[in-house]
């Protein structure tokens, strides 16, 4: 989490918009975020993408787990579980990591 008493970190913290991040993610990952929120059970590939996007937002340190969960229709503890699995997937899956890096390069994180 950024130290908000430092002016540069405060500017960056204010600049991050999770909705904008998710809209860009829809283009890069060719997915529908609303589908992730409203579907009770996601396929393996959909779940993997949702988990990676959730992890990207979590990694910024700008939102609490509860707030992130609200974006994806999950509980705050569900966010913790997703973060753990997303970290493992990013290590294993090269294409997924490439797309994740591409998305994050568009934002000051």
N, C-alpha and C. Protein backbone atom coordinates (compact mmCIF):
# COMPACT_ATOMS: atom_id res chain seq x y z
N UNK A 1 0.86 -1.18 0.00
CA UNK A 1 0.00 0.00 0.00
C UNK A 1 0.90 1.23 0.00
N UNK A 2 0.56 2.24 -0.83
CA UNK A 2 1.41 3.43 -0.88
C UNK A 2 1.34 4.25 0.39
N UNK A 3 2.42 4.94 0.68
CA UNK A 3 2.49 5.86 1.81
C UNK A 3 1.88 7.18 1.34
N UNK A 4 0.64 7.46 1.73
CA UNK A 4 -0.08 8.61 1.20
C UNK A 4 0.45 9.95 1.67
N UNK A 5 1.41 9.95 2.57
CA UNK A 5 1.98 11.23 2.98
C UNK A 5 3.00 11.71 1.95
N UNK A 6 3.41 10.84 1.04
CA UNK A 6 4.34 11.24 -0.01
C UNK A 6 3.55 11.73 -1.22
N UNK A 7 3.80 12.97 -1.67
CA UNK A 7 2.99 13.56 -2.74
C UNK A 7 2.94 12.74 -4.03
N UNK A 8 4.06 12.17 -4.47
CA UNK A 8 4.06 11.41 -5.71
C UNK A 8 3.17 10.18 -5.61
N UNK A 9 3.25 9.49 -4.49
CA UNK A 9 2.44 8.29 -4.32
C UNK A 9 0.96 8.64 -4.20
N UNK A 10 0.65 9.77 -3.63
CA UNK A 10 -0.74 10.19 -3.52
C UNK A 10 -1.31 10.47 -4.90
N UNK A 11 -0.52 11.10 -5.78
CA UNK A 11 -0.99 11.37 -7.14
C UNK A 11 -1.27 10.08 -7.90
N UNK A 12 -0.36 9.13 -7.80
CA UNK A 12 -0.54 7.86 -8.48
C UNK A 12 -1.75 7.14 -7.90
N UNK A 13 -1.91 7.18 -6.59
CA UNK A 13 -3.04 6.50 -5.95
C UNK A 13 -4.36 7.07 -6.46
N UNK A 14 -4.44 8.36 -6.65
CA UNK A 14 -5.67 8.96 -7.13
C UNK A 14 -5.91 8.65 -8.60
N UNK A 15 -4.85 8.40 -9.34
CA UNK A 15 -4.97 8.20 -10.78
C UNK A 15 -5.56 6.84 -11.15
N UNK A 16 -5.47 5.85 -10.28
CA UNK A 16 -5.95 4.52 -10.62
C UNK A 16 -7.47 4.44 -10.54
N UNK A 17 -8.07 4.00 -11.63
CA UNK A 17 -9.52 3.83 -11.70
C UNK A 17 -9.80 2.36 -12.06
N UNK A 18 -10.33 1.57 -11.12
CA UNK A 18 -10.54 0.15 -11.39
C UNK A 18 -11.52 -0.11 -12.54
N UNK A 19 -12.48 0.76 -12.74
CA UNK A 19 -13.45 0.57 -13.83
C UNK A 19 -12.75 0.74 -15.17
N UNK A 20 -11.92 1.75 -15.28
CA UNK A 20 -11.15 1.96 -16.51
C UNK A 20 -10.22 0.76 -16.75
N UNK A 21 -9.61 0.28 -15.70
CA UNK A 21 -8.72 -0.89 -15.78
C UNK A 21 -9.49 -2.09 -16.34
N UNK A 22 -10.70 -2.31 -15.84
CA UNK A 22 -11.50 -3.45 -16.28
C UNK A 22 -11.97 -3.29 -17.73
N UNK A 23 -12.28 -2.06 -18.14
CA UNK A 23 -12.69 -1.85 -19.53
C UNK A 23 -11.54 -2.14 -20.49
N UNK A 24 -10.35 -1.73 -20.13
CA UNK A 24 -9.19 -2.05 -20.97
C UNK A 24 -8.93 -3.55 -20.97
N UNK A 25 -9.14 -4.17 -19.85
CA UNK A 25 -8.94 -5.62 -19.73
C UNK A 25 -9.89 -6.38 -20.66
N UNK A 26 -11.12 -5.88 -20.77
CA UNK A 26 -12.09 -6.53 -21.67
C UNK A 26 -11.56 -6.58 -23.10
N UNK A 27 -10.88 -5.54 -23.52
CA UNK A 27 -10.32 -5.49 -24.87
C UNK A 27 -9.14 -6.44 -25.01
N UNK A 28 -8.24 -6.42 -24.06
CA UNK A 28 -7.02 -7.22 -24.15
C UNK A 28 -7.32 -8.71 -24.00
N UNK A 29 -8.17 -9.06 -23.04
CA UNK A 29 -8.47 -10.47 -22.78
C UNK A 29 -9.69 -10.97 -23.57
N UNK A 30 -10.33 -10.06 -24.31
CA UNK A 30 -11.52 -10.40 -25.10
C UNK A 30 -12.56 -11.12 -24.24
N UNK A 31 -12.98 -10.41 -23.20
CA UNK A 31 -13.92 -10.99 -22.24
C UNK A 31 -14.99 -9.97 -21.89
N UNK A 32 -15.97 -10.41 -21.11
CA UNK A 32 -17.07 -9.56 -20.66
C UNK A 32 -17.10 -9.58 -19.13
N UNK A 33 -16.70 -8.50 -18.53
CA UNK A 33 -16.61 -8.41 -17.07
C UNK A 33 -17.99 -8.62 -16.43
N UNK A 34 -19.04 -8.07 -17.02
CA UNK A 34 -20.39 -8.24 -16.47
C UNK A 34 -20.77 -9.72 -16.40
N UNK A 35 -20.34 -10.47 -17.39
CA UNK A 35 -20.59 -11.92 -17.40
C UNK A 35 -19.94 -12.57 -16.17
N UNK A 36 -18.73 -12.13 -15.84
CA UNK A 36 -18.03 -12.68 -14.67
C UNK A 36 -18.81 -12.42 -13.39
N UNK A 37 -19.42 -11.26 -13.31
CA UNK A 37 -20.13 -10.85 -12.10
C UNK A 37 -21.46 -11.59 -11.95
N UNK A 38 -22.17 -11.76 -13.06
CA UNK A 38 -23.53 -12.29 -12.99
C UNK A 38 -23.65 -13.79 -13.17
N UNK A 39 -22.60 -14.44 -13.61
CA UNK A 39 -22.65 -15.89 -13.81
C UNK A 39 -22.27 -16.60 -12.52
N UNK A 40 -23.07 -17.56 -12.13
CA UNK A 40 -22.81 -18.30 -10.89
C UNK A 40 -21.56 -19.17 -11.00
N UNK A 41 -21.37 -19.79 -12.17
CA UNK A 41 -20.23 -20.69 -12.35
C UNK A 41 -19.52 -20.35 -13.65
N UNK A 42 -18.24 -20.03 -13.54
CA UNK A 42 -17.44 -19.69 -14.71
C UNK A 42 -16.69 -20.90 -15.23
N UNK A 43 -16.45 -20.92 -16.54
CA UNK A 43 -15.63 -21.99 -17.11
C UNK A 43 -14.19 -21.80 -16.64
N UNK A 44 -13.35 -22.78 -16.86
CA UNK A 44 -11.96 -22.70 -16.41
C UNK A 44 -11.23 -21.49 -16.97
N UNK A 45 -11.38 -21.23 -18.28
CA UNK A 45 -10.69 -20.10 -18.90
C UNK A 45 -11.24 -18.77 -18.40
N UNK A 46 -12.57 -18.68 -18.24
CA UNK A 46 -13.18 -17.46 -17.74
C UNK A 46 -12.74 -17.17 -16.30
N UNK A 47 -12.71 -18.19 -15.50
CA UNK A 47 -12.29 -18.04 -14.10
C UNK A 47 -10.84 -17.58 -14.03
N UNK A 48 -10.01 -18.15 -14.88
CA UNK A 48 -8.60 -17.78 -14.91
C UNK A 48 -8.42 -16.30 -15.24
N UNK A 49 -9.16 -15.82 -16.23
CA UNK A 49 -9.07 -14.41 -16.62
C UNK A 49 -9.61 -13.52 -15.50
N UNK A 50 -10.77 -13.88 -14.96
CA UNK A 50 -11.33 -13.09 -13.85
C UNK A 50 -10.35 -13.00 -12.69
N UNK A 51 -9.72 -14.11 -12.37
CA UNK A 51 -8.78 -14.14 -11.26
C UNK A 51 -7.58 -13.23 -11.51
N UNK A 52 -7.09 -13.23 -12.73
CA UNK A 52 -5.94 -12.40 -13.08
C UNK A 52 -6.30 -10.92 -13.00
N UNK A 53 -7.48 -10.57 -13.47
CA UNK A 53 -7.91 -9.16 -13.41
C UNK A 53 -8.12 -8.71 -11.98
N UNK A 54 -8.71 -9.57 -11.19
CA UNK A 54 -8.89 -9.26 -9.77
C UNK A 54 -7.52 -9.06 -9.11
N UNK A 55 -6.59 -9.93 -9.42
CA UNK A 55 -5.25 -9.82 -8.85
C UNK A 55 -4.59 -8.50 -9.26
N UNK A 56 -4.78 -8.09 -10.50
CA UNK A 56 -4.20 -6.83 -10.96
C UNK A 56 -4.70 -5.65 -10.16
N UNK A 57 -5.99 -5.65 -9.86
CA UNK A 57 -6.56 -4.56 -9.05
C UNK A 57 -6.06 -4.67 -7.61
N UNK A 58 -6.04 -5.87 -7.08
CA UNK A 58 -5.57 -6.08 -5.69
C UNK A 58 -4.13 -5.60 -5.53
N UNK A 59 -3.32 -5.88 -6.54
CA UNK A 59 -1.89 -5.56 -6.47
C UNK A 59 -1.62 -4.06 -6.37
N UNK A 60 -2.56 -3.23 -6.81
CA UNK A 60 -2.35 -1.79 -6.72
C UNK A 60 -2.37 -1.31 -5.27
N UNK A 61 -3.07 -2.04 -4.41
CA UNK A 61 -3.18 -1.63 -3.02
C UNK A 61 -4.14 -0.47 -2.80
N UNK A 62 -4.92 -0.13 -3.82
CA UNK A 62 -5.82 1.03 -3.73
C UNK A 62 -7.19 0.70 -3.15
N UNK A 63 -7.58 -0.57 -3.22
CA UNK A 63 -8.91 -0.96 -2.75
C UNK A 63 -8.80 -2.05 -1.69
N UNK A 64 -9.75 -2.06 -0.80
CA UNK A 64 -9.83 -3.14 0.19
C UNK A 64 -10.42 -4.38 -0.49
N UNK A 65 -10.18 -5.53 0.10
CA UNK A 65 -10.71 -6.77 -0.47
C UNK A 65 -12.22 -6.71 -0.65
N UNK A 66 -12.91 -6.10 0.27
CA UNK A 66 -14.36 -5.98 0.17
C UNK A 66 -14.76 -5.18 -1.07
N UNK A 67 -14.05 -4.09 -1.34
CA UNK A 67 -14.35 -3.27 -2.51
C UNK A 67 -14.06 -4.03 -3.81
N UNK A 68 -12.96 -4.77 -3.83
CA UNK A 68 -12.62 -5.56 -5.00
C UNK A 68 -13.68 -6.65 -5.20
N UNK A 69 -14.06 -7.28 -4.12
CA UNK A 69 -15.09 -8.30 -4.19
C UNK A 69 -16.39 -7.77 -4.77
N UNK A 70 -16.75 -6.55 -4.42
CA UNK A 70 -17.97 -5.94 -4.95
C UNK A 70 -17.91 -5.77 -6.47
N UNK A 71 -16.72 -5.51 -7.00
CA UNK A 71 -16.56 -5.37 -8.45
C UNK A 71 -16.81 -6.69 -9.18
N UNK A 72 -16.51 -7.80 -8.50
CA UNK A 72 -16.58 -9.11 -9.14
C UNK A 72 -17.67 -10.02 -8.57
N UNK A 73 -18.43 -9.53 -7.63
CA UNK A 73 -19.48 -10.35 -7.03
C UNK A 73 -18.95 -11.43 -6.11
N UNK A 74 -17.87 -11.12 -5.39
CA UNK A 74 -17.24 -12.07 -4.46
C UNK A 74 -17.20 -11.49 -3.06
N UNK A 75 -17.01 -12.36 -2.07
CA UNK A 75 -16.82 -11.88 -0.70
C UNK A 75 -15.37 -11.44 -0.53
N UNK A 76 -15.11 -10.73 0.55
CA UNK A 76 -13.73 -10.27 0.79
C UNK A 76 -12.79 -11.45 0.99
N UNK A 77 -13.27 -12.52 1.60
CA UNK A 77 -12.39 -13.69 1.79
C UNK A 77 -12.19 -14.43 0.46
N UNK A 78 -13.20 -14.37 -0.41
CA UNK A 78 -13.05 -14.95 -1.75
C UNK A 78 -11.95 -14.27 -2.52
N UNK A 79 -11.81 -12.96 -2.32
CA UNK A 79 -10.74 -12.20 -2.98
C UNK A 79 -9.37 -12.75 -2.56
N UNK A 80 -9.20 -13.03 -1.29
CA UNK A 80 -7.92 -13.58 -0.80
C UNK A 80 -7.59 -14.91 -1.47
N UNK A 81 -8.58 -15.76 -1.62
CA UNK A 81 -8.36 -17.06 -2.26
C UNK A 81 -8.00 -16.88 -3.74
N UNK A 82 -8.68 -15.97 -4.40
CA UNK A 82 -8.42 -15.72 -5.81
C UNK A 82 -7.01 -15.18 -6.01
N UNK A 83 -6.58 -14.27 -5.16
CA UNK A 83 -5.24 -13.69 -5.27
C UNK A 83 -4.18 -14.79 -5.20
N UNK A 84 -4.35 -15.70 -4.28
CA UNK A 84 -3.39 -16.79 -4.12
C UNK A 84 -3.32 -17.64 -5.39
N UNK A 85 -4.47 -18.00 -5.95
CA UNK A 85 -4.47 -18.85 -7.15
C UNK A 85 -3.97 -18.07 -8.37
N UNK A 86 -4.27 -16.78 -8.45
CA UNK A 86 -3.82 -15.97 -9.58
C UNK A 86 -2.30 -15.86 -9.61
N UNK A 87 -1.68 -15.70 -8.46
CA UNK A 87 -0.21 -15.64 -8.40
C UNK A 87 0.40 -16.90 -8.97
N UNK A 88 -0.16 -18.03 -8.64
CA UNK A 88 0.35 -19.31 -9.16
C UNK A 88 0.15 -19.41 -10.67
N UNK A 89 -1.03 -19.02 -11.15
CA UNK A 89 -1.31 -19.08 -12.59
C UNK A 89 -0.39 -18.18 -13.40
N UNK A 90 -0.07 -17.01 -12.87
CA UNK A 90 0.82 -16.10 -13.59
C UNK A 90 2.22 -16.69 -13.72
N UNK A 91 2.63 -17.48 -12.76
CA UNK A 91 3.95 -18.12 -12.83
C UNK A 91 3.95 -19.25 -13.86
N UNK A 92 2.82 -19.95 -13.98
CA UNK A 92 2.75 -21.13 -14.85
C UNK A 92 2.44 -20.80 -16.31
N UNK A 93 1.60 -19.80 -16.55
CA UNK A 93 1.05 -19.56 -17.88
C UNK A 93 1.68 -18.35 -18.55
N UNK A 94 2.51 -18.58 -19.52
CA UNK A 94 3.25 -17.51 -20.20
C UNK A 94 2.32 -16.54 -20.95
N UNK A 95 1.36 -17.06 -21.72
CA UNK A 95 0.47 -16.19 -22.49
C UNK A 95 -0.36 -15.31 -21.56
N UNK A 96 -0.83 -15.89 -20.49
CA UNK A 96 -1.60 -15.13 -19.51
C UNK A 96 -0.75 -14.01 -18.91
N UNK A 97 0.49 -14.32 -18.60
CA UNK A 97 1.42 -13.33 -18.03
C UNK A 97 1.68 -12.20 -19.03
N UNK A 98 1.81 -12.56 -20.30
CA UNK A 98 2.05 -11.56 -21.35
C UNK A 98 0.88 -10.59 -21.44
N UNK A 99 -0.34 -11.10 -21.44
CA UNK A 99 -1.52 -10.24 -21.52
C UNK A 99 -1.65 -9.39 -20.25
N UNK A 100 -1.36 -9.98 -19.11
CA UNK A 100 -1.41 -9.26 -17.84
C UNK A 100 -0.41 -8.10 -17.86
N UNK A 101 0.79 -8.37 -18.32
CA UNK A 101 1.82 -7.32 -18.41
C UNK A 101 1.42 -6.23 -19.40
N UNK A 102 0.79 -6.64 -20.51
CA UNK A 102 0.32 -5.69 -21.51
C UNK A 102 -0.72 -4.75 -20.90
N UNK A 103 -1.65 -5.30 -20.16
CA UNK A 103 -2.69 -4.49 -19.51
C UNK A 103 -2.07 -3.53 -18.50
N UNK A 104 -1.19 -4.03 -17.66
CA UNK A 104 -0.60 -3.20 -16.62
C UNK A 104 0.33 -2.12 -17.18
N UNK A 105 0.87 -2.33 -18.36
CA UNK A 105 1.73 -1.31 -18.96
C UNK A 105 0.94 -0.07 -19.36
N UNK A 106 -0.38 -0.20 -19.46
CA UNK A 106 -1.23 0.94 -19.83
C UNK A 106 -1.57 1.84 -18.65
N UNK A 107 -1.23 1.40 -17.45
CA UNK A 107 -1.57 2.12 -16.23
C UNK A 107 -0.33 2.36 -15.38
N UNK A 108 -0.36 3.45 -14.63
CA UNK A 108 0.71 3.70 -13.65
C UNK A 108 0.41 2.89 -12.41
N UNK A 109 1.08 1.76 -12.27
CA UNK A 109 0.81 0.90 -11.11
C UNK A 109 2.03 0.82 -10.23
